[in-house]
């Protein structure tokens, strides 16, 4: 059974602070190009923004943060860039996991990891195991992930687990097999860099997420920009198929971030 309900079957509880934020981190290459730097410099700076965003989520009481780091379509990029991205992923895991663990962050990586080199697969497994007991924030990195892949692999697992169902399947049969069945559906989806696409990210899970697009490039997406996304979210009327008149007593709440200290 999935741990969380479906927004198309039941109306989920909502609050001023989103429980789950999902982000497409776009604009690293353009950030570097503007500064006459190689694209890889933008990706490297983007890792610093990830660190800042994790800190912002901890301070604001957000429970789940999901970041689209490498899509199943990103293998189409130049071979040199893909190789450098894999090196950066390995380095980030080695450098950041101790900090995540110290701050109570659990790391999870979702996607088709079989295409990664054995060393990277082992590093992912060790990192997940080390942080498995942490509950302050669940940080998910989507790597070699695609929304269609996720749905297809969930269907395959469902058919294996229920071979005698004869086609009588429901959402509750499929949901436990999705890559992120351990998390609630994202309340807020953010894409930086000016593009306004979902790009095959969490296609099932984003059914009723609030979408926020910004021209800010990912390396420049600081805590103020993040709070801008939260402020926009707080002005949304989350109806889940209902009318405005049914939302008795609804009023956007004001967000007040905590000032708890986060060890960087």
Protein backbone atom coordinates (compact mmCIF):
# COMPACT_ATOMS: atom_id res chain seq x y z
CA UNK A 1 0.00 0.00 0.00
CA UNK A 2 1.16 3.56 -0.71
CA UNK A 3 1.81 5.65 2.35
CA UNK A 4 -0.07 8.68 1.01
CA UNK A 5 -3.41 9.25 -0.67
CA UNK A 6 -4.20 10.41 -4.18
CA UNK A 7 -5.37 13.97 -4.91
CA UNK A 8 -7.71 12.64 -7.60
CA UNK A 9 -9.43 10.27 -5.18
CA UNK A 10 -9.47 12.32 -1.98
CA UNK A 11 -9.00 15.99 -1.08
CA UNK A 12 -5.65 16.27 0.71
CA UNK A 13 -5.01 18.51 3.67
CA UNK A 14 -3.26 21.78 2.81
CA UNK A 15 -1.34 24.41 4.74
CA UNK A 16 0.41 27.73 4.14
CA UNK A 17 3.77 26.01 3.93
CA UNK A 18 3.90 23.28 1.27
CA UNK A 19 4.70 19.89 2.65
CA UNK A 20 6.46 18.77 -0.54
CA UNK A 21 8.32 20.98 -3.04
CA UNK A 22 9.60 19.60 -6.35
CA UNK A 23 12.04 21.57 -8.50
CA UNK A 24 13.45 21.42 -12.02
CA UNK A 25 16.82 23.15 -11.63
CA UNK A 26 17.18 24.82 -15.02
CA UNK A 27 19.60 27.47 -16.25
CA UNK A 28 23.05 26.31 -15.14
CA UNK A 29 24.49 26.40 -18.65
CA UNK A 30 23.04 29.82 -19.46
CA UNK A 31 24.32 31.19 -16.15
CA UNK A 32 27.83 30.09 -17.13
CA UNK A 33 27.52 31.36 -20.71
CA UNK A 34 26.56 34.83 -19.47
CA UNK A 35 29.86 34.88 -17.57
CA UNK A 36 31.92 33.45 -20.44
CA UNK A 37 32.51 30.30 -18.41
CA UNK A 38 32.24 26.65 -19.50
CA UNK A 39 28.83 25.05 -18.92
CA UNK A 40 30.29 22.82 -16.23
CA UNK A 41 31.01 25.89 -14.09
CA UNK A 42 27.27 26.53 -14.01
CA UNK A 43 26.54 22.97 -12.90
CA UNK A 44 29.16 23.29 -10.17
CA UNK A 45 27.60 26.54 -8.95
CA UNK A 46 24.22 24.84 -9.08
CA UNK A 47 25.35 22.38 -6.39
CA UNK A 48 25.83 25.36 -4.06
CA UNK A 49 22.25 26.41 -4.75
CA UNK A 50 21.08 22.91 -3.87
CA UNK A 51 22.81 23.30 -0.52
CA UNK A 52 21.11 26.67 0.04
CA UNK A 53 17.71 25.26 -0.94
CA UNK A 54 18.03 22.34 1.47
CA UNK A 55 18.84 24.83 4.22
CA UNK A 56 15.82 26.97 3.27
CA UNK A 57 13.50 23.93 3.42
CA UNK A 58 14.80 22.96 6.85
CA UNK A 59 14.30 26.49 8.15
CA UNK A 60 10.78 26.76 6.73
CA UNK A 61 9.51 23.41 7.91
CA UNK A 62 9.16 21.79 4.49
CA UNK A 63 9.21 18.01 4.87
CA UNK A 64 10.01 16.80 1.34
CA UNK A 65 12.24 18.31 -1.35
CA UNK A 66 12.59 16.61 -4.73
CA UNK A 67 15.16 17.82 -7.26
CA UNK A 68 15.35 16.81 -10.93
CA UNK A 69 19.11 16.37 -11.36
CA UNK A 70 19.38 14.27 -14.53
CA UNK A 71 16.55 13.15 -16.78
CA UNK A 72 16.36 10.01 -18.89
CA UNK A 73 16.61 12.35 -21.91
CA UNK A 74 19.78 14.10 -20.67
CA UNK A 75 21.88 11.24 -22.08
CA UNK A 76 21.34 13.03 -25.40
CA UNK A 77 23.69 15.81 -24.31
CA UNK A 78 27.33 15.88 -25.48
CA UNK A 79 29.27 12.92 -24.09
CA UNK A 80 31.81 15.17 -22.38
CA UNK A 81 29.11 17.09 -20.51
CA UNK A 82 27.39 13.87 -19.39
CA UNK A 83 30.72 12.52 -18.12
CA UNK A 84 31.38 15.72 -16.18
CA UNK A 85 27.87 15.62 -14.70
CA UNK A 86 28.46 12.07 -13.48
CA UNK A 87 31.74 13.18 -11.90
CA UNK A 88 29.94 16.09 -10.24
CA UNK A 89 27.24 13.74 -8.92
CA UNK A 90 29.87 11.48 -7.37
CA UNK A 91 31.72 14.41 -5.85
CA UNK A 92 28.52 15.94 -4.44
CA UNK A 93 27.58 12.66 -2.78
CA UNK A 94 31.01 12.33 -1.20
CA UNK A 95 31.10 15.96 -0.02
CA UNK A 96 27.51 16.59 1.04
CA UNK A 97 26.17 13.42 2.66
CA UNK A 98 27.93 14.07 5.99
CA UNK A 99 26.34 17.54 6.14
CA UNK A 100 22.93 16.15 5.25
CA UNK A 101 23.23 13.49 7.92
CA UNK A 102 24.33 16.03 10.53
CA UNK A 103 21.21 18.09 9.84
CA UNK A 104 18.78 15.17 9.96
CA UNK A 105 18.22 14.97 6.19
CA UNK A 106 17.40 11.64 4.60
CA UNK A 107 18.71 11.21 1.05
CA UNK A 108 16.89 9.13 -1.52
CA UNK A 109 17.71 8.73 -5.21
CA UNK A 110 15.01 7.65 -7.69
CA UNK A 111 15.31 6.67 -11.32
CA UNK A 112 16.73 3.87 -13.45
CA UNK A 113 20.07 3.60 -11.66
CA UNK A 114 21.14 0.53 -13.64
CA UNK A 115 22.71 2.70 -16.33
CA UNK A 116 25.14 4.31 -13.89
CA UNK A 117 28.62 2.90 -13.31
CA UNK A 118 28.88 0.40 -10.43
CA UNK A 119 30.96 2.83 -8.34
CA UNK A 120 28.22 5.45 -8.51
CA UNK A 121 25.50 2.91 -7.77
CA UNK A 122 27.39 1.77 -4.68
CA UNK A 123 27.94 5.36 -3.54
CA UNK A 124 24.21 6.05 -3.87
CA UNK A 125 23.34 2.94 -1.88
CA UNK A 126 25.81 3.77 0.90
CA UNK A 127 24.58 7.38 1.09
CA UNK A 128 20.95 6.29 1.34
CA UNK A 129 21.74 3.74 4.02
CA UNK A 130 23.74 6.22 6.08
CA UNK A 131 20.88 8.73 6.22
CA UNK A 132 17.99 6.23 6.36
CA UNK A 133 16.96 7.03 9.94
CA UNK A 134 16.78 10.81 9.45
CA UNK A 135 13.36 12.50 9.46
CA UNK A 136 13.92 16.27 9.43
CA UNK A 137 13.71 16.49 5.64
CA UNK A 138 13.43 13.86 2.89
CA UNK A 139 15.65 15.00 0.02
CA UNK A 140 15.02 13.08 -3.19
CA UNK A 141 17.33 13.34 -6.17
CA UNK A 142 15.75 12.22 -9.45
CA UNK A 143 18.60 10.83 -11.56
CA UNK A 144 18.13 9.08 -14.90
CA UNK A 145 14.46 9.59 -14.11
CA UNK A 146 11.52 10.11 -16.42
CA UNK A 147 7.83 10.34 -15.60
CA UNK A 148 6.84 7.88 -18.33
CA UNK A 149 9.54 5.44 -17.18
CA UNK A 150 8.15 5.71 -13.66
CA UNK A 151 4.60 4.88 -14.72
CA UNK A 152 5.73 2.00 -16.95
CA UNK A 153 7.94 0.43 -14.31
CA UNK A 154 5.10 0.78 -11.78
CA UNK A 155 2.71 -1.00 -14.16
CA UNK A 156 5.22 -3.82 -14.66
CA UNK A 157 5.65 -4.26 -10.91
CA UNK A 158 1.91 -4.15 -10.37
CA UNK A 159 1.33 -6.89 -12.94
CA UNK A 160 3.99 -9.06 -11.34
CA UNK A 161 2.54 -8.54 -7.86
CA UNK A 162 -1.07 -9.16 -8.99
CA UNK A 163 -0.93 -11.58 -11.94
CA UNK A 164 -4.51 -12.77 -11.39
CA UNK A 165 -6.22 -9.37 -11.21
CA UNK A 166 -7.59 -9.75 -14.79
CA UNK A 167 -7.42 -6.02 -15.53
CA UNK A 168 -9.43 -4.88 -12.52
CA UNK A 169 -6.80 -2.42 -11.30
CA UNK A 170 -7.16 0.93 -9.57
CA UNK A 171 -4.91 3.81 -8.53
CA UNK A 172 -4.39 2.15 -5.16
CA UNK A 173 -2.98 -0.91 -6.94
CA UNK A 174 -0.48 1.12 -8.98
CA UNK A 175 0.56 3.81 -6.48
CA UNK A 176 2.71 1.60 -4.19
CA UNK A 177 4.96 0.77 -7.15
CA UNK A 178 5.74 4.35 -8.20
CA UNK A 179 9.29 5.47 -7.50
CA UNK A 180 8.13 8.02 -4.91
CA UNK A 181 5.37 6.09 -3.16
CA UNK A 182 7.06 7.08 0.12
CA UNK A 183 6.21 10.77 -0.36
CA UNK A 184 3.01 12.81 -0.64
CA UNK A 185 2.28 14.38 -4.01
CA UNK A 186 4.15 17.69 -4.44
CA UNK A 187 2.18 20.71 -3.27
CA UNK A 188 4.43 23.09 -5.20
CA UNK A 189 6.36 22.53 -8.42
CA UNK A 190 9.05 25.09 -9.29
CA UNK A 191 10.97 25.43 -12.53
CA UNK A 192 13.75 27.97 -12.81
CA UNK A 193 15.37 29.32 -15.97
CA UNK A 194 12.34 30.71 -17.80
CA UNK A 195 11.06 27.54 -19.49
CA UNK A 196 7.45 26.58 -18.82
CA UNK A 197 7.41 22.81 -19.27
CA UNK A 198 7.10 19.76 -17.03
CA UNK A 199 9.76 17.93 -19.10
CA UNK A 200 8.70 14.38 -18.20
CA UNK A 201 9.08 15.01 -14.47
CA UNK A 202 6.73 13.32 -11.96
CA UNK A 203 3.92 13.09 -14.51
CA UNK A 204 1.68 11.04 -12.22
CA UNK A 205 2.50 12.92 -9.02
CA UNK A 206 2.02 16.49 -10.34
CA UNK A 207 -1.71 16.01 -11.09
CA UNK A 208 -2.82 18.74 -8.66
CA UNK A 209 0.45 20.48 -7.81
CA UNK A 210 0.64 24.26 -7.98
CA UNK A 211 3.03 25.24 -10.79
CA UNK A 212 5.50 28.12 -10.44
CA UNK A 213 7.80 29.23 -13.26
CA UNK A 214 10.50 31.85 -12.86
CA UNK A 215 13.08 33.44 -15.17
CA UNK A 216 15.68 33.25 -12.40
CA UNK A 217 18.49 30.88 -13.41
CA UNK A 218 19.11 28.06 -10.96
CA UNK A 219 22.54 29.28 -9.73
CA UNK A 220 20.85 32.58 -8.78
CA UNK A 221 17.83 31.00 -7.09
CA UNK A 222 18.58 32.16 -3.55
CA UNK A 223 16.43 32.09 -0.41
CA UNK A 224 14.66 35.31 -1.45
CA UNK A 225 13.69 33.76 -4.78
CA UNK A 226 12.54 30.63 -2.96
CA UNK A 227 10.38 32.72 -0.63
CA UNK A 228 8.90 34.37 -3.73
CA UNK A 229 7.76 30.95 -4.92
CA UNK A 230 6.30 30.20 -1.48
CA UNK A 231 4.49 33.55 -1.45
CA UNK A 232 2.92 32.73 -4.82
CA UNK A 233 1.86 29.33 -3.52
CA UNK A 234 0.19 30.89 -0.51
CA UNK A 235 -2.04 32.97 -2.81
CA UNK A 236 -3.32 29.94 -4.69
CA UNK A 237 -6.82 28.60 -4.12
CA UNK A 238 -6.39 24.84 -3.95
CA UNK A 239 -9.80 23.52 -4.98
CA UNK A 240 -9.02 19.95 -6.14
CA UNK A 241 -12.07 19.97 -8.42
CA UNK A 242 -14.35 21.87 -6.05
CA UNK A 243 -15.78 25.38 -6.47
CA UNK A 244 -14.55 28.45 -4.63
CA UNK A 245 -17.83 28.58 -2.75
CA UNK A 246 -17.12 25.19 -1.24
CA UNK A 247 -13.90 26.43 0.36
CA UNK A 248 -15.58 27.89 3.43
CA UNK A 249 -13.24 30.01 5.51
CA UNK A 250 -10.39 29.73 3.03
CA UNK A 251 -7.84 32.54 3.22
CA UNK A 252 -4.16 32.49 2.22
CA UNK A 253 -1.96 32.28 5.30
CA UNK A 254 1.15 34.32 5.89
CA UNK A 255 4.37 32.35 5.99
CA UNK A 256 6.74 33.00 8.87
CA UNK A 257 10.01 31.11 8.43
CA UNK A 258 11.67 29.87 11.55
CA UNK A 259 15.14 31.05 12.47
CA UNK A 260 16.47 27.65 13.53
CA UNK A 261 20.18 27.29 12.94
CA UNK A 262 21.26 24.94 10.17
CA UNK A 263 24.76 23.55 10.24
CA UNK A 264 26.36 24.19 6.85
